[in-house]
Amino acid sequence: MRVNTNLFWILAVFFGLSAAGYTIWSLIDFANTPEQIEPLTHTGVEWVGTIGIALGALLSILIAFYLTIAKRAQGGELPEDVMTAEIDDGDPEVGHFSPWSWWPMVLALGLAFMFLGFAVGIWLAFIGGPIVLIAIIGWQYEYYRNFFAR
């Protein structure tokens, strides 16, 4: 995690410097552009690129800050950061999965209808919405009763 944190801090500095350089470059380019070529299309700072690169810097800062806080809260090093760790040290129990469950495919069908409805016709989204709700409820309560109850 230490390497990831350092990587995102380096990316934050890089994107911050890139945003400043991009802004300065667009101002220099605007100063050298004759008015008769582009009279109304260019007004100085090119805001879309500047804001996009600055948001990349802010995102890198956010991720680096989160990783720093998470590393401090976990109280120790991850197995990936310890040179003498074995592969099994980083292999925790992930959870319980249902390999025979049909509910993920029903949910995918409902979401496909919903997104197709947003793109083609809203009436398809009204068909997909109840299918999505039924699939989420069915998947959640799959082990609640009958043969698979726990």
Protein backbone atom coordinates (compact mmCIF):
# COMPACT_ATOMS: atom_id res chain seq x y z
CA MET A 1 0.00 0.00 0.00
CA ARG A 2 2.97 2.27 0.59
CA VAL A 3 3.93 2.06 -3.09
CA ASN A 4 0.37 2.85 -4.19
CA THR A 5 0.20 5.84 -1.87
CA ASN A 6 3.50 7.23 -3.13
CA LEU A 7 2.43 6.63 -6.73
CA PHE A 8 -0.75 8.66 -6.30
CA TRP A 9 1.08 11.51 -4.53
CA ILE A 10 3.53 11.61 -7.46
CA LEU A 11 0.61 11.60 -9.91
CA ALA A 12 -1.02 14.46 -8.00
CA VAL A 13 2.13 16.57 -8.28
CA PHE A 14 2.47 15.68 -11.97
CA PHE A 15 -1.13 16.60 -12.79
CA GLY A 16 -0.86 19.82 -10.76
CA LEU A 17 2.25 20.90 -12.65
CA SER A 18 0.63 19.82 -15.92
CA ALA A 19 -2.45 21.94 -15.21
CA ALA A 20 -0.29 24.97 -14.46
CA GLY A 21 1.82 24.38 -17.57
CA TYR A 22 -1.27 23.88 -19.73
CA THR A 23 -2.78 27.13 -18.47
CA ILE A 24 0.42 29.11 -19.08
CA TRP A 25 0.83 27.55 -22.52
CA SER A 26 -2.74 28.46 -23.52
CA LEU A 27 -2.18 32.05 -22.34
CA ILE A 28 1.06 32.30 -24.34
CA ASP A 29 -0.68 30.82 -27.38
CA PHE A 30 -3.53 33.33 -27.02
CA ALA A 31 -1.05 36.22 -26.83
CA ASN A 32 0.63 35.08 -30.07
CA THR A 33 -2.60 34.52 -32.01
CA PRO A 34 -3.50 37.33 -34.41
CA GLU A 35 -7.01 38.69 -33.93
CA GLN A 36 -7.89 38.54 -37.62
CA ILE A 37 -7.48 34.73 -37.68
CA GLU A 38 -9.66 33.88 -34.68
CA PRO A 39 -11.62 36.98 -33.67
CA LEU A 40 -14.26 35.43 -31.39
CA THR A 41 -13.26 31.82 -30.80
CA HIS A 42 -10.40 32.09 -28.32
CA THR A 43 -10.57 34.19 -25.16
CA GLY A 44 -7.41 33.33 -23.20
CA VAL A 45 -7.34 30.32 -20.94
CA GLU A 46 -8.58 27.09 -22.46
CA TRP A 47 -10.83 26.11 -19.57
CA VAL A 48 -11.85 22.58 -20.55
CA GLY A 49 -8.32 21.22 -20.60
CA THR A 50 -7.23 23.20 -17.54
CA ILE A 51 -10.15 22.05 -15.43
CA GLY A 52 -9.85 18.46 -16.70
CA ILE A 53 -6.18 18.19 -15.77
CA ALA A 54 -6.79 19.95 -12.43
CA LEU A 55 -9.58 17.48 -11.65
CA GLY A 56 -7.13 14.67 -12.39
CA ALA A 57 -4.81 16.19 -9.78
CA LEU A 58 -7.67 16.47 -7.27
CA LEU A 59 -8.67 12.86 -7.87
CA SER A 60 -5.09 11.71 -7.33
CA ILE A 61 -4.94 13.71 -4.09
CA LEU A 62 -8.21 12.17 -2.94
CA ILE A 63 -7.04 8.61 -3.60
CA ALA A 64 -3.61 9.22 -2.06
CA PHE A 65 -5.19 10.76 1.05
CA TYR A 66 -7.59 7.83 1.39
CA LEU A 67 -4.79 5.29 1.04
CA THR A 68 -2.71 7.17 3.60
CA ILE A 69 -5.57 7.17 6.12
CA ALA A 70 -6.41 3.51 5.41
CA LYS A 71 -2.78 2.47 5.92
CA ARG A 72 -2.63 4.37 9.19
CA ALA A 73 -5.93 2.83 10.39
CA GLN A 74 -5.04 -0.79 9.61
CA GLY A 75 -2.21 -0.73 12.12
CA GLY A 76 0.34 -2.71 10.15
CA GLU A 77 1.81 -3.55 6.80
CA LEU A 78 -0.09 -5.46 4.15
CA PRO A 79 1.37 -8.81 3.07
CA GLU A 80 2.16 -7.24 -0.32
CA ASP A 81 4.51 -4.77 1.39
CA VAL A 82 6.43 -7.38 3.41
CA MET A 83 9.31 -8.95 1.49
CA THR A 84 9.20 -12.23 3.49
CA ALA A 85 5.42 -12.80 3.08
CA GLU A 86 4.01 -15.93 1.49
CA ILE A 87 1.26 -15.99 -1.14
CA ASP A 88 -1.19 -17.50 1.35
CA ASP A 89 -0.75 -14.53 3.69
CA GLY A 90 -2.63 -12.28 1.29
CA ASP A 91 -5.42 -14.75 0.54
CA PRO A 92 -8.28 -13.99 2.96
CA GLU A 93 -11.80 -15.37 2.91
CA VAL A 94 -13.63 -13.25 0.34
CA GLY A 95 -17.19 -14.30 1.02
CA HIS A 96 -19.93 -16.66 -0.05
CA PHE A 97 -20.99 -16.84 -3.68
CA SER A 98 -23.79 -18.80 -5.37
CA PRO A 99 -22.46 -20.46 -8.51
CA TRP A 100 -25.92 -21.86 -9.39
CA SER A 101 -27.86 -18.63 -8.94
CA TRP A 102 -29.92 -17.31 -11.85
CA TRP A 103 -30.63 -13.94 -10.21
CA PRO A 104 -27.55 -12.13 -11.63
CA MET A 105 -28.71 -12.94 -15.15
CA VAL A 106 -32.26 -11.74 -14.37
CA LEU A 107 -30.77 -8.54 -12.95
CA ALA A 108 -28.64 -8.07 -16.07
CA LEU A 109 -31.72 -8.56 -18.26
CA GLY A 110 -33.68 -5.97 -16.27
CA LEU A 111 -30.82 -3.47 -16.39
CA ALA A 112 -30.44 -4.06 -20.13
CA PHE A 113 -34.12 -3.24 -20.60
CA MET A 114 -33.78 -0.13 -18.44
CA PHE A 115 -30.73 1.26 -20.24
CA LEU A 116 -32.18 0.35 -23.62
CA GLY A 117 -35.31 2.19 -22.53
CA PHE A 118 -33.32 5.30 -21.69
CA ALA A 119 -31.68 5.16 -25.12
CA VAL A 120 -34.57 4.06 -27.35
CA GLY A 121 -37.93 4.52 -25.68
CA ILE A 122 -38.87 5.14 -22.08
CA TRP A 123 -41.55 2.44 -22.17
CA LEU A 124 -38.80 -0.22 -22.11
CA ALA A 125 -37.45 1.27 -18.88
CA PHE A 126 -40.88 0.78 -17.31
CA ILE A 127 -40.62 -2.93 -18.18
CA GLY A 128 -37.04 -3.20 -16.91
CA GLY A 129 -37.62 -1.40 -13.60
CA PRO A 130 -39.83 -4.07 -12.00
CA ILE A 131 -37.55 -6.80 -13.33
CA VAL A 132 -34.60 -5.10 -11.61
CA LEU A 133 -36.49 -4.81 -8.32
CA ILE A 134 -37.63 -8.45 -8.44
CA ALA A 135 -34.08 -9.61 -9.26
CA ILE A 136 -32.50 -7.62 -6.41
CA ILE A 137 -35.06 -8.91 -3.91
CA GLY A 138 -34.77 -12.46 -5.21
CA TRP A 139 -30.99 -12.42 -5.09
CA GLN A 140 -31.01 -10.98 -1.57
CA TYR A 141 -33.47 -13.54 -0.20
CA GLU A 142 -32.15 -16.53 -2.16
CA TYR A 143 -31.08 -18.34 1.01
CA TYR A 144 -34.02 -17.20 3.12
CA ARG A 145 -36.33 -20.22 2.69
CA ASN A 146 -36.75 -23.69 1.20
CA PHE A 147 -33.86 -25.88 0.15
CA PHE A 148 -31.06 -23.31 0.54
CA ALA A 149 -32.21 -21.80 3.86
CA ARG A 150 -29.55 -21.20 6.52
